[in-house]
Amino acid sequence: MKADFHIHTRYSMDCEMELEDIIERCQKMKIDCIAITDHGTVEGALKMQEIAPFKVIAGEEVLTDKGEILGMFLKETIPSNISVDEAISRIKEQGGLVCLPHPFDPLRGLTIDLVEVDKLAPSIDIIEVFNARSPINSTADKALEYAIRHEIPMTAGSDSHTLGEIGRTFVEIDDFNTPDQLIEVLKHGRISQHKASIFVHFFSTITKIKRKLRK
């Protein structure tokens, strides 16, 4: 199956994609597994699970005091502005997987040094070694090196905030049903990676501004 493990919806403050449009785009691009990873909420992900004709993982990008931690297989929203340790603890309490999204991106990665990131390794289930929206190649190289050094299964995602981004980056894996099974199939996954245009960040920024003005 072809899986994209990092997609946003209109439930994120910087995205306007409707759930139905995401489904249509995924079907067009033959993506049959996605993780909905909205900022600060699992509401959209849980709704997508109800209507999508393919596998949907409910995730959330949790904003901590040191950057974002991605939870997968969640059942309820984890609050923002908590510590990294608390975010990890809350994800585990739900039986979810802890993922480091774009961990070494200078603009969006964790704001802790490598020593501290290394200390997190025992708590990390998977790591995003390619994020289509990260413009600097070295960030992916660092994530790959970290994953190999700590023997952490690797994933990738488009980080889509617009429909055109969906389907350009994906991971080919065997089917799975549980978090533990996902960890196992990722060990043999094959990543197909294509960078998004830097201009996609413009659309996200405009959306964020529009949302603030509406409020």
N, C-alpha and C. Protein backbone atom coordinates (compact mmCIF):
# COMPACT_ATOMS: atom_id res chain seq x y z
N MET A 1 0.83 -1.19 0.00
CA MET A 1 0.00 0.00 0.00
C MET A 1 0.87 1.25 0.00
N LYS A 2 0.31 2.36 -0.46
CA LYS A 2 1.01 3.64 -0.50
C LYS A 2 0.46 4.52 0.62
N ALA A 3 1.34 4.92 1.53
CA ALA A 3 0.91 5.66 2.71
C ALA A 3 1.60 7.02 2.80
N ASP A 4 0.82 8.04 3.13
CA ASP A 4 1.35 9.38 3.42
C ASP A 4 1.06 9.64 4.88
N PHE A 5 2.12 9.74 5.68
CA PHE A 5 1.96 9.81 7.13
C PHE A 5 1.94 11.23 7.69
N HIS A 6 1.66 12.23 6.86
CA HIS A 6 1.66 13.60 7.38
C HIS A 6 0.78 14.48 6.49
N ILE A 7 -0.50 14.57 6.84
CA ILE A 7 -1.45 15.38 6.07
C ILE A 7 -2.30 16.22 7.02
N HIS A 8 -2.51 17.47 6.66
CA HIS A 8 -3.33 18.39 7.44
C HIS A 8 -4.69 18.59 6.78
N THR A 9 -5.63 19.11 7.56
CA THR A 9 -6.97 19.40 7.07
C THR A 9 -7.37 20.80 7.53
N ARG A 10 -8.60 21.17 7.22
CA ARG A 10 -9.09 22.50 7.62
C ARG A 10 -9.17 22.64 9.14
N TYR A 11 -8.97 21.55 9.86
CA TYR A 11 -8.97 21.64 11.32
C TYR A 11 -7.64 22.16 11.86
N SER A 12 -6.64 22.29 10.99
CA SER A 12 -5.40 22.98 11.33
C SER A 12 -5.57 24.46 11.03
N MET A 13 -4.91 25.32 11.82
CA MET A 13 -5.11 26.75 11.68
C MET A 13 -4.49 27.31 10.40
N ASP A 14 -3.65 26.51 9.71
CA ASP A 14 -2.97 27.00 8.52
C ASP A 14 -3.32 26.19 7.28
N CYS A 15 -4.50 25.57 7.28
CA CYS A 15 -4.91 24.71 6.17
C CYS A 15 -6.40 24.86 5.94
N GLU A 16 -6.81 24.78 4.68
CA GLU A 16 -8.23 24.90 4.36
C GLU A 16 -8.77 23.70 3.60
N MET A 17 -8.04 22.60 3.56
CA MET A 17 -8.48 21.43 2.80
C MET A 17 -9.66 20.73 3.48
N GLU A 18 -10.72 20.54 2.72
CA GLU A 18 -11.88 19.81 3.22
C GLU A 18 -11.60 18.31 3.19
N LEU A 19 -12.22 17.58 4.12
CA LEU A 19 -11.99 16.15 4.22
C LEU A 19 -12.35 15.42 2.92
N GLU A 20 -13.47 15.80 2.36
CA GLU A 20 -13.93 15.13 1.13
C GLU A 20 -12.96 15.37 -0.03
N ASP A 21 -12.38 16.56 -0.10
CA ASP A 21 -11.43 16.86 -1.17
C ASP A 21 -10.13 16.06 -0.99
N ILE A 22 -9.74 15.86 0.26
CA ILE A 22 -8.54 15.06 0.54
C ILE A 22 -8.77 13.62 0.09
N ILE A 23 -9.95 13.08 0.38
CA ILE A 23 -10.27 11.72 -0.03
C ILE A 23 -10.20 11.58 -1.55
N GLU A 24 -10.81 12.53 -2.24
CA GLU A 24 -10.81 12.50 -3.70
C GLU A 24 -9.39 12.57 -4.26
N ARG A 25 -8.56 13.42 -3.69
CA ARG A 25 -7.17 13.55 -4.15
C ARG A 25 -6.39 12.27 -3.88
N CYS A 26 -6.57 11.68 -2.71
CA CYS A 26 -5.87 10.44 -2.38
C CYS A 26 -6.25 9.33 -3.35
N GLN A 27 -7.52 9.23 -3.67
CA GLN A 27 -7.95 8.20 -4.60
C GLN A 27 -7.37 8.42 -5.99
N LYS A 28 -7.29 9.67 -6.38
CA LYS A 28 -6.70 10.00 -7.68
C LYS A 28 -5.22 9.64 -7.73
N MET A 29 -4.52 9.86 -6.62
CA MET A 29 -3.09 9.59 -6.56
C MET A 29 -2.77 8.18 -6.05
N LYS A 30 -3.82 7.37 -5.85
CA LYS A 30 -3.67 5.97 -5.41
C LYS A 30 -2.97 5.86 -4.04
N ILE A 31 -3.26 6.82 -3.18
CA ILE A 31 -2.81 6.75 -1.79
C ILE A 31 -3.90 6.04 -0.99
N ASP A 32 -3.57 4.92 -0.37
CA ASP A 32 -4.61 4.15 0.32
C ASP A 32 -4.39 4.03 1.82
N CYS A 33 -3.53 4.89 2.36
CA CYS A 33 -3.35 4.98 3.81
C CYS A 33 -2.80 6.37 4.12
N ILE A 34 -3.41 7.06 5.06
CA ILE A 34 -2.93 8.39 5.44
C ILE A 34 -2.97 8.54 6.96
N ALA A 35 -2.13 9.44 7.43
CA ALA A 35 -2.21 9.89 8.82
C ALA A 35 -2.63 11.36 8.78
N ILE A 36 -3.74 11.67 9.41
CA ILE A 36 -4.18 13.05 9.55
C ILE A 36 -3.51 13.60 10.80
N THR A 37 -2.73 14.66 10.63
CA THR A 37 -1.85 15.15 11.70
C THR A 37 -2.05 16.64 11.93
N ASP A 38 -3.27 17.03 12.21
CA ASP A 38 -3.55 18.45 12.40
C ASP A 38 -2.84 19.02 13.62
N HIS A 39 -2.66 20.33 13.58
CA HIS A 39 -2.04 21.04 14.70
C HIS A 39 -3.06 21.15 15.85
N GLY A 40 -2.72 20.58 16.99
CA GLY A 40 -3.50 20.82 18.20
C GLY A 40 -4.87 20.20 18.29
N THR A 41 -5.19 19.23 17.42
CA THR A 41 -6.51 18.59 17.50
C THR A 41 -6.53 17.29 16.72
N VAL A 42 -7.35 16.34 17.20
CA VAL A 42 -7.59 15.11 16.45
C VAL A 42 -9.01 15.09 15.88
N GLU A 43 -9.73 16.19 16.00
CA GLU A 43 -11.13 16.24 15.58
C GLU A 43 -11.27 15.87 14.11
N GLY A 44 -10.48 16.50 13.25
CA GLY A 44 -10.56 16.20 11.83
C GLY A 44 -10.16 14.78 11.51
N ALA A 45 -9.16 14.27 12.21
CA ALA A 45 -8.69 12.91 11.97
C ALA A 45 -9.77 11.89 12.33
N LEU A 46 -10.44 12.09 13.44
CA LEU A 46 -11.49 11.16 13.85
C LEU A 46 -12.67 11.20 12.88
N LYS A 47 -12.98 12.39 12.38
CA LYS A 47 -14.06 12.49 11.40
C LYS A 47 -13.65 11.83 10.08
N MET A 48 -12.38 11.98 9.72
CA MET A 48 -11.90 11.35 8.48
C MET A 48 -11.98 9.83 8.59
N GLN A 49 -11.69 9.28 9.74
CA GLN A 49 -11.80 7.83 9.93
C GLN A 49 -13.22 7.33 9.66
N GLU A 50 -14.21 8.16 9.92
CA GLU A 50 -15.60 7.76 9.75
C GLU A 50 -16.03 7.74 8.29
N ILE A 51 -15.41 8.57 7.45
CA ILE A 51 -15.91 8.71 6.08
C ILE A 51 -14.96 8.21 5.00
N ALA A 52 -13.69 8.04 5.31
CA ALA A 52 -12.72 7.66 4.28
C ALA A 52 -12.87 6.18 3.90
N PRO A 53 -12.74 5.85 2.62
CA PRO A 53 -12.84 4.46 2.17
C PRO A 53 -11.51 3.73 2.23
N PHE A 54 -10.54 4.33 2.94
CA PHE A 54 -9.22 3.71 3.08
C PHE A 54 -8.74 3.90 4.52
N LYS A 55 -7.58 3.36 4.83
CA LYS A 55 -7.06 3.38 6.19
C LYS A 55 -6.63 4.79 6.60
N VAL A 56 -7.09 5.22 7.77
CA VAL A 56 -6.75 6.54 8.30
C VAL A 56 -6.23 6.40 9.72
N ILE A 57 -5.05 6.95 9.97
CA ILE A 57 -4.48 6.99 11.32
C ILE A 57 -4.79 8.36 11.90
N ALA A 58 -5.35 8.37 13.10
CA ALA A 58 -5.64 9.63 13.78
C ALA A 58 -4.38 10.12 14.49
N GLY A 59 -3.88 11.25 14.04
CA GLY A 59 -2.68 11.81 14.63
C GLY A 59 -2.86 13.27 15.01
N GLU A 60 -1.85 13.81 15.64
CA GLU A 60 -1.86 15.23 16.03
C GLU A 60 -0.43 15.71 16.18
N GLU A 61 -0.15 16.87 15.62
CA GLU A 61 1.11 17.55 15.89
C GLU A 61 0.92 18.36 17.17
N VAL A 62 1.56 17.90 18.22
CA VAL A 62 1.41 18.53 19.53
C VAL A 62 2.51 19.57 19.71
N LEU A 63 2.11 20.81 19.94
CA LEU A 63 3.08 21.88 20.16
C LEU A 63 3.56 21.84 21.60
N THR A 64 4.86 21.61 21.78
CA THR A 64 5.45 21.61 23.12
C THR A 64 6.30 22.86 23.30
N ASP A 65 6.88 22.98 24.48
CA ASP A 65 7.74 24.14 24.74
C ASP A 65 9.07 24.06 24.00
N LYS A 66 9.32 22.90 23.34
CA LYS A 66 10.57 22.71 22.61
C LYS A 66 10.34 22.31 21.15
N GLY A 67 9.15 22.58 20.64
CA GLY A 67 8.85 22.21 19.26
C GLY A 67 7.73 21.18 19.20
N GLU A 68 7.54 20.58 18.04
CA GLU A 68 6.41 19.69 17.82
C GLU A 68 6.77 18.21 18.00
N ILE A 69 5.86 17.49 18.63
CA ILE A 69 5.93 16.04 18.75
C ILE A 69 4.67 15.48 18.09
N LEU A 70 4.83 14.48 17.26
CA LEU A 70 3.69 13.92 16.54
C LEU A 70 3.21 12.63 17.21
N GLY A 71 1.92 12.62 17.56
CA GLY A 71 1.31 11.42 18.10
C GLY A 71 0.46 10.75 17.04
N MET A 72 0.50 9.42 16.98
CA MET A 72 -0.28 8.66 16.01
C MET A 72 -1.08 7.59 16.74
N PHE A 73 -2.23 7.21 16.15
CA PHE A 73 -3.17 6.27 16.76
C PHE A 73 -3.76 6.86 18.04
N LEU A 74 -4.16 8.12 17.94
CA LEU A 74 -4.74 8.80 19.09
C LEU A 74 -6.26 8.68 19.10
N LYS A 75 -6.83 8.85 20.28
CA LYS A 75 -8.27 8.78 20.45
C LYS A 75 -8.85 10.12 20.91
N GLU A 76 -8.00 10.97 21.47
CA GLU A 76 -8.46 12.28 21.91
C GLU A 76 -7.33 13.30 21.80
N THR A 77 -7.73 14.57 21.75
CA THR A 77 -6.77 15.65 21.58
C THR A 77 -5.86 15.81 22.79
N ILE A 78 -4.59 16.07 22.50
CA ILE A 78 -3.61 16.38 23.54
C ILE A 78 -3.41 17.90 23.52
N PRO A 79 -3.44 18.56 24.67
CA PRO A 79 -3.32 20.02 24.68
C PRO A 79 -1.96 20.52 24.21
N SER A 80 -1.94 21.74 23.73
CA SER A 80 -0.71 22.38 23.26
C SER A 80 0.03 23.03 24.43
N ASN A 81 1.25 23.47 24.14
CA ASN A 81 2.08 24.21 25.10
C ASN A 81 2.37 23.41 26.36
N ILE A 82 2.66 22.14 26.18
CA ILE A 82 3.08 21.30 27.29
C ILE A 82 4.54 20.92 27.07
N SER A 83 5.14 20.23 28.01
CA SER A 83 6.54 19.84 27.85
C SER A 83 6.65 18.65 26.90
N VAL A 84 7.84 18.43 26.37
CA VAL A 84 8.09 17.29 25.50
C VAL A 84 7.78 15.99 26.24
N ASP A 85 8.24 15.89 27.47
CA ASP A 85 8.02 14.68 28.26
C ASP A 85 6.53 14.41 28.48
N GLU A 86 5.77 15.48 28.75
CA GLU A 86 4.34 15.29 28.97
C GLU A 86 3.64 14.88 27.68
N ALA A 87 4.06 15.47 26.56
CA ALA A 87 3.47 15.11 25.27
C ALA A 87 3.69 13.62 24.98
N ILE A 88 4.91 13.17 25.19
CA ILE A 88 5.24 11.76 24.96
C ILE A 88 4.42 10.87 25.89
N SER A 89 4.31 11.27 27.16
CA SER A 89 3.56 10.50 28.14
C SER A 89 2.09 10.39 27.76
N ARG A 90 1.51 11.50 27.32
CA ARG A 90 0.09 11.51 26.96
C ARG A 90 -0.18 10.66 25.72
N ILE A 91 0.76 10.66 24.77
CA ILE A 91 0.61 9.82 23.57
C ILE A 91 0.64 8.35 23.97
N LYS A 92 1.60 8.00 24.80
CA LYS A 92 1.74 6.61 25.24
C LYS A 92 0.52 6.16 26.04
N GLU A 93 -0.05 7.05 26.83
CA GLU A 93 -1.23 6.71 27.64
C GLU A 93 -2.41 6.30 26.77
N GLN A 94 -2.46 6.83 25.55
CA GLN A 94 -3.54 6.48 24.62
C GLN A 94 -3.19 5.25 23.78
N GLY A 95 -2.05 4.66 24.04
CA GLY A 95 -1.63 3.52 23.24
C GLY A 95 -1.10 3.92 21.88
N GLY A 96 -0.72 5.19 21.75
CA GLY A 96 -0.26 5.72 20.47
C GLY A 96 1.23 5.58 20.26
N LEU A 97 1.65 5.96 19.07
CA LEU A 97 3.06 5.97 18.71
C LEU A 97 3.59 7.39 18.74
N VAL A 98 4.82 7.54 19.21
CA VAL A 98 5.48 8.84 19.25
C VAL A 98 6.40 8.95 18.04
N CYS A 99 6.20 10.01 17.29
CA CYS A 99 7.01 10.26 16.09
C CYS A 99 7.66 11.64 16.19
N LEU A 100 8.89 11.74 15.72
CA LEU A 100 9.54 13.05 15.60
C LEU A 100 9.34 13.55 14.17
N PRO A 101 8.52 14.59 13.98
CA PRO A 101 8.34 15.14 12.64
C PRO A 101 9.41 16.21 12.36
N HIS A 102 9.94 16.20 11.16
CA HIS A 102 10.97 17.18 10.75
C HIS A 102 11.85 17.62 11.93
N PRO A 103 12.50 16.67 12.62
CA PRO A 103 13.16 16.99 13.90
C PRO A 103 14.34 17.96 13.80
N PHE A 104 14.99 18.03 12.66
CA PHE A 104 16.18 18.87 12.55
C PHE A 104 15.97 20.06 11.61
N ASP A 105 14.73 20.32 11.28
CA ASP A 105 14.40 21.49 10.46
C ASP A 105 14.68 22.74 11.30
N PRO A 106 15.54 23.65 10.82
CA PRO A 106 15.90 24.83 11.63
C PRO A 106 14.73 25.75 11.93
N LEU A 107 13.67 25.67 11.13
CA LEU A 107 12.52 26.54 11.34
C LEU A 107 11.40 25.85 12.09
N ARG A 108 11.31 24.52 11.97
CA ARG A 108 10.17 23.82 12.55
C ARG A 108 10.57 22.64 13.44
N GLY A 109 11.84 22.41 13.59
CA GLY A 109 12.30 21.26 14.36
C GLY A 109 12.34 21.52 15.85
N LEU A 110 12.80 20.52 16.59
CA LEU A 110 12.93 20.66 18.03
C LEU A 110 14.01 21.68 18.38
N THR A 111 13.74 22.50 19.37
CA THR A 111 14.68 23.55 19.77
C THR A 111 15.54 23.08 20.94
N ILE A 112 16.08 21.88 20.80
CA ILE A 112 17.00 21.33 21.79
C ILE A 112 18.22 20.80 21.07
N ASP A 113 19.34 20.70 21.77
CA ASP A 113 20.56 20.27 21.10
C ASP A 113 20.55 18.75 20.88
N LEU A 114 21.53 18.29 20.12
CA LEU A 114 21.57 16.89 19.73
C LEU A 114 21.67 15.95 20.92
N VAL A 115 22.37 16.38 21.95
CA VAL A 115 22.49 15.55 23.15
C VAL A 115 21.12 15.28 23.75
N GLU A 116 20.30 16.33 23.82
CA GLU A 116 18.97 16.18 24.38
C GLU A 116 18.07 15.36 23.45
N VAL A 117 18.23 15.54 22.14
CA VAL A 117 17.44 14.74 21.19
C VAL A 117 17.80 13.27 21.32
N ASP A 118 19.10 12.99 21.52
CA ASP A 118 19.53 11.61 21.71
C ASP A 118 18.89 10.98 22.95
N LYS A 119 18.70 11.79 23.99
CA LYS A 119 18.10 11.28 25.22
C LYS A 119 16.64 10.86 25.01
N LEU A 120 16.01 11.43 23.98
CA LEU A 120 14.62 11.10 23.69
C LEU A 120 14.47 9.76 22.99
N ALA A 121 15.54 9.27 22.37
CA ALA A 121 15.48 8.11 21.50
C ALA A 121 14.73 6.90 22.08
N PRO A 122 14.95 6.54 23.35
CA PRO A 122 14.24 5.37 23.89
C PRO A 122 12.72 5.52 23.89
N SER A 123 12.24 6.76 23.84
CA SER A 123 10.79 7.01 23.88
C SER A 123 10.19 7.19 22.48
N ILE A 124 11.04 7.24 21.46
CA ILE A 124 10.57 7.49 20.11
C ILE A 124 10.29 6.18 19.39
N ASP A 125 9.09 6.07 18.81
CA ASP A 125 8.71 4.85 18.10
C ASP A 125 9.08 4.89 16.63
N ILE A 126 8.90 6.05 16.00
CA ILE A 126 9.23 6.22 14.59
C ILE A 126 9.75 7.64 14.39
N ILE A 127 10.48 7.83 13.30
CA ILE A 127 11.01 9.15 13.01
C ILE A 127 10.79 9.50 11.55
N GLU A 128 10.36 10.71 11.30
CA GLU A 128 10.14 11.20 9.95
C GLU A 128 11.48 11.61 9.34
N VAL A 129 11.98 10.79 8.44
CA VAL A 129 13.30 11.06 7.85
C VAL A 129 13.20 11.90 6.59
N PHE A 130 11.98 12.07 6.08
CA PHE A 130 11.79 12.98 4.94
C PHE A 130 10.46 13.68 5.09
N ASN A 131 10.51 15.01 5.05
CA ASN A 131 9.33 15.86 5.08
C ASN A 131 9.39 16.72 3.83
N ALA A 132 8.39 16.60 2.98
CA ALA A 132 8.42 17.26 1.67
C ALA A 132 8.50 18.77 1.77
N ARG A 133 8.11 19.33 2.91
CA ARG A 133 8.12 20.78 3.06
C ARG A 133 9.42 21.32 3.66
N SER A 134 10.33 20.45 4.01
CA SER A 134 11.61 20.92 4.54
C SER A 134 12.54 21.24 3.37
N PRO A 135 12.93 22.49 3.20
CA PRO A 135 13.69 22.89 2.02
C PRO A 135 15.18 22.55 2.06
N ILE A 136 15.69 22.23 3.23
CA ILE A 136 17.14 22.02 3.38
C ILE A 136 17.45 20.53 3.42
N ASN A 137 18.26 20.06 2.48
CA ASN A 137 18.55 18.64 2.37
C ASN A 137 19.20 18.06 3.63
N SER A 138 20.01 18.85 4.30
CA SER A 138 20.75 18.34 5.45
C SER A 138 19.82 17.91 6.59
N THR A 139 18.60 18.47 6.64
CA THR A 139 17.68 18.07 7.71
C THR A 139 17.26 16.62 7.56
N ALA A 140 17.04 16.19 6.32
CA ALA A 140 16.69 14.80 6.07
C ALA A 140 17.88 13.89 6.35
N ASP A 141 19.06 14.35 5.99
CA ASP A 141 20.27 13.56 6.24
C ASP A 141 20.47 13.33 7.73
N LYS A 142 20.26 14.38 8.53
CA LYS A 142 20.42 14.26 9.98
C LYS A 142 19.38 13.32 10.57
N ALA A 143 18.15 13.42 10.07
CA ALA A 143 17.09 12.55 10.58
C ALA A 143 17.38 11.09 10.24
N LEU A 144 17.87 10.85 9.03
CA LEU A 144 18.22 9.50 8.61
C LEU A 144 19.34 8.94 9.47
N GLU A 145 20.35 9.75 9.72
CA GLU A 145 21.48 9.31 10.54
C GLU A 145 21.02 8.99 11.95
N TYR A 146 20.13 9.81 12.50
CA TYR A 146 19.59 9.61 13.84
C TYR A 146 18.81 8.29 13.90
N ALA A 147 17.97 8.06 12.89
CA ALA A 147 17.16 6.84 12.87
C ALA A 147 18.03 5.60 12.80
N ILE A 148 19.06 5.63 11.96
CA ILE A 148 19.95 4.48 11.82
C ILE A 148 20.73 4.25 13.11
N ARG A 149 21.24 5.32 13.69
CA ARG A 149 22.07 5.21 14.90
C ARG A 149 21.28 4.64 16.06
N HIS A 150 20.00 5.01 16.15
CA HIS A 150 19.17 4.55 17.26
C HIS A 150 18.25 3.39 16.88
N GLU A 151 18.38 2.93 15.64
CA GLU A 151 17.58 1.81 15.15
C GLU A 151 16.08 2.07 15.33
N ILE A 152 15.64 3.23 14.85
CA ILE A 152 14.24 3.63 14.93
C ILE A 152 13.62 3.51 13.53
N PRO A 153 12.47 2.85 13.40
CA PRO A 153 11.80 2.75 12.09
C PRO A 153 11.54 4.12 11.49
N MET A 154 11.65 4.19 10.17
CA MET A 154 11.57 5.47 9.47
C MET A 154 10.26 5.64 8.70
N THR A 155 9.81 6.88 8.67
CA THR A 155 8.62 7.20 7.90
C THR A 155 8.86 8.49 7.12
N ALA A 156 7.86 8.89 6.35
CA ALA A 156 7.97 10.11 5.54
C ALA A 156 6.57 10.64 5.28
N GLY A 157 6.49 11.92 4.96
CA GLY A 157 5.18 12.49 4.70
C GLY A 157 5.27 13.75 3.85
N SER A 158 4.18 14.05 3.20
CA SER A 158 4.12 15.25 2.36
C SER A 158 3.96 16.50 3.20
N ASP A 159 3.42 16.35 4.44
CA ASP A 159 3.08 17.51 5.27
C ASP A 159 2.12 18.42 4.51
N SER A 160 1.23 17.80 3.76
CA SER A 160 0.35 18.55 2.86
C SER A 160 -0.57 19.51 3.60
N HIS A 161 -0.60 20.72 3.09
CA HIS A 161 -1.57 21.72 3.52
C HIS A 161 -2.42 22.16 2.32
N THR A 162 -2.04 21.73 1.12
CA THR A 162 -2.79 22.00 -0.10
C THR A 162 -2.94 20.69 -0.87
N LEU A 163 -3.99 20.60 -1.66
CA LEU A 163 -4.30 19.34 -2.35
C LEU A 163 -3.20 18.88 -3.29
N GLY A 164 -2.53 19.81 -3.94
CA GLY A 164 -1.50 19.44 -4.90
C GLY A 164 -0.30 18.75 -4.30
N GLU A 165 -0.14 18.87 -2.99
CA GLU A 165 1.01 18.24 -2.32
C GLU A 165 0.77 16.76 -2.04
N ILE A 166 -0.49 16.37 -1.92
CA ILE A 166 -0.82 14.99 -1.56
C ILE A 166 -0.42 14.03 -2.67
N GLY A 167 0.25 12.96 -2.30
CA GLY A 167 0.60 11.92 -3.27
C GLY A 167 1.96 12.03 -3.89
N ARG A 168 2.68 13.10 -3.58
CA ARG A 168 4.01 13.27 -4.15
C ARG A 168 5.07 12.59 -3.30
N THR A 169 4.85 12.52 -2.01
CA THR A 169 5.73 11.78 -1.11
C THR A 169 4.90 10.70 -0.41
N PHE A 170 5.41 9.48 -0.40
CA PHE A 170 4.67 8.39 0.25
C PHE A 170 5.65 7.28 0.62
N VAL A 171 5.15 6.34 1.42
CA VAL A 171 5.92 5.17 1.81
C VAL A 171 5.17 3.93 1.37
N GLU A 172 5.85 3.06 0.65
CA GLU A 172 5.26 1.80 0.24
C GLU A 172 5.50 0.76 1.34
N ILE A 173 4.42 0.22 1.89
CA ILE A 173 4.52 -0.72 3.00
C ILE A 173 3.49 -1.83 2.83
N ASP A 174 3.66 -2.90 3.59
CA ASP A 174 2.64 -3.93 3.68
C ASP A 174 1.49 -3.42 4.54
N ASP A 175 0.35 -4.09 4.42
CA ASP A 175 -0.81 -3.69 5.20
C ASP A 175 -0.56 -3.94 6.70
N PHE A 176 -1.29 -3.24 7.53
CA PHE A 176 -1.15 -3.34 8.98
C PHE A 176 -2.47 -2.95 9.63
N ASN A 177 -2.63 -3.28 10.90
CA ASN A 177 -3.85 -2.92 11.62
C ASN A 177 -3.58 -2.28 12.98
N THR A 178 -2.43 -2.53 13.56
CA THR A 178 -2.14 -2.04 14.91
C THR A 178 -0.87 -1.19 14.90
N PRO A 179 -0.67 -0.41 15.97
CA PRO A 179 0.58 0.36 16.06
C PRO A 179 1.82 -0.52 15.97
N ASP A 180 1.82 -1.65 16.66
CA ASP A 180 2.97 -2.54 16.63
C ASP A 180 3.22 -3.09 15.23
N GLN A 181 2.14 -3.39 14.52
CA GLN A 181 2.28 -3.89 13.15
C GLN A 181 2.85 -2.81 12.23
N LEU A 182 2.44 -1.54 12.45
CA LEU A 182 2.99 -0.45 11.64
C LEU A 182 4.49 -0.35 11.85
N ILE A 183 4.93 -0.44 13.09
CA ILE A 183 6.37 -0.37 13.37
C ILE A 183 7.11 -1.45 12.60
N GLU A 184 6.54 -2.65 12.55
CA GLU A 184 7.20 -3.76 11.87
C GLU A 184 7.25 -3.56 10.36
N VAL A 185 6.13 -3.13 9.75
CA VAL A 185 6.13 -2.99 8.29
C VAL A 185 6.99 -1.81 7.84
N LEU A 186 7.14 -0.79 8.71
CA LEU A 186 8.00 0.34 8.35
C LEU A 186 9.46 -0.06 8.24
N LYS A 187 9.85 -1.11 8.94
CA LYS A 187 11.23 -1.57 8.88
C LYS A 187 11.61 -2.03 7.47
N HIS A 188 10.59 -2.35 6.68
CA HIS A 188 10.83 -2.81 5.31
C HIS A 188 10.17 -1.87 4.29
N GLY A 189 9.81 -0.67 4.74
CA GLY A 189 9.14 0.27 3.86
C GLY A 189 10.09 0.89 2.85
N ARG A 190 9.51 1.40 1.77
CA ARG A 190 10.29 2.05 0.72
C ARG A 190 9.74 3.46 0.50
N ILE A 191 10.57 4.45 0.72
CA ILE A 191 10.15 5.85 0.65
C ILE A 191 10.31 6.41 -0.75
N SER A 192 9.25 7.03 -1.25
CA SER A 192 9.30 7.77 -2.51
C SER A 192 9.17 9.24 -2.15
N GLN A 193 10.22 10.01 -2.38
CA GLN A 193 10.25 11.38 -1.87
C GLN A 193 10.40 12.43 -2.98
N HIS A 194 9.59 13.45 -2.86
CA HIS A 194 9.63 14.58 -3.79
C HIS A 194 9.37 15.85 -2.99
N LYS A 195 10.28 16.79 -3.08
CA LYS A 195 10.13 18.04 -2.34
C LYS A 195 8.99 18.88 -2.88
N ALA A 196 8.32 19.55 -1.99
CA ALA A 196 7.29 20.50 -2.38
C ALA A 196 7.95 21.84 -2.73
N SER A 197 7.26 22.63 -3.50
CA SER A 197 7.75 23.98 -3.82
C SER A 197 7.79 24.81 -2.54
N ILE A 198 8.76 25.70 -2.44
CA ILE A 198 8.83 26.57 -1.26
C ILE A 198 7.62 27.49 -1.18
N PHE A 199 6.91 27.65 -2.29
CA PHE A 199 5.77 28.56 -2.31
C PHE A 199 4.56 28.00 -1.55
N VAL A 200 4.57 26.70 -1.24
CA VAL A 200 3.43 26.15 -0.48
C VAL A 200 3.36 26.78 0.90
N HIS A 201 4.51 27.22 1.44
CA HIS A 201 4.51 27.86 2.75
C HIS A 201 3.77 29.20 2.69
N PHE A 202 3.78 29.83 1.53
CA PHE A 202 3.06 31.09 1.35
C PHE A 202 1.57 30.88 1.57
N PHE A 203 1.02 29.81 0.98
CA PHE A 203 -0.41 29.55 1.12
C PHE A 203 -0.78 29.26 2.57
N SER A 204 0.10 28.54 3.28
CA SER A 204 -0.17 28.24 4.69
C SER A 204 -0.17 29.51 5.53
N THR A 205 0.79 30.39 5.25
CA THR A 205 0.88 31.65 5.99
C THR A 205 -0.34 32.51 5.75
N ILE A 206 -0.77 32.61 4.50
CA ILE A 206 -1.95 33.40 4.16
C ILE A 206 -3.19 32.84 4.86
N THR A 207 -3.31 31.52 4.87
CA THR A 207 -4.45 30.89 5.54
C THR A 207 -4.45 31.21 7.02
N LYS A 208 -3.29 31.15 7.64
CA LYS A 208 -3.18 31.44 9.07
C LYS A 208 -3.60 32.88 9.36
N ILE A 209 -3.15 33.81 8.53
CA ILE A 209 -3.50 35.23 8.70
C ILE A 209 -5.00 35.43 8.53
N LYS A 210 -5.59 34.79 7.52
CA LYS A 210 -7.02 34.91 7.26
C LYS A 210 -7.84 34.39 8.46
N ARG A 211 -7.38 33.29 9.03
CA ARG A 211 -8.09 32.71 10.17
C ARG A 211 -8.06 33.67 11.35
N LYS A 212 -6.90 34.30 11.59
CA LYS A 212 -6.79 35.24 12.69
C LYS A 212 -7.68 36.45 12.49
N LEU A 213 -7.75 36.94 11.24
CA LEU A 213 -8.57 38.10 10.94
C LEU A 213 -10.05 37.80 11.14
N ARG A 214 -10.45 36.55 10.79
CA ARG A 214 -11.85 36.16 10.97
C ARG A 214 -12.25 36.16 12.43
N LYS A 215 -11.30 35.81 13.29
CA LYS A 215 -11.57 35.79 14.73
C LYS A 215 -11.70 37.19 15.28
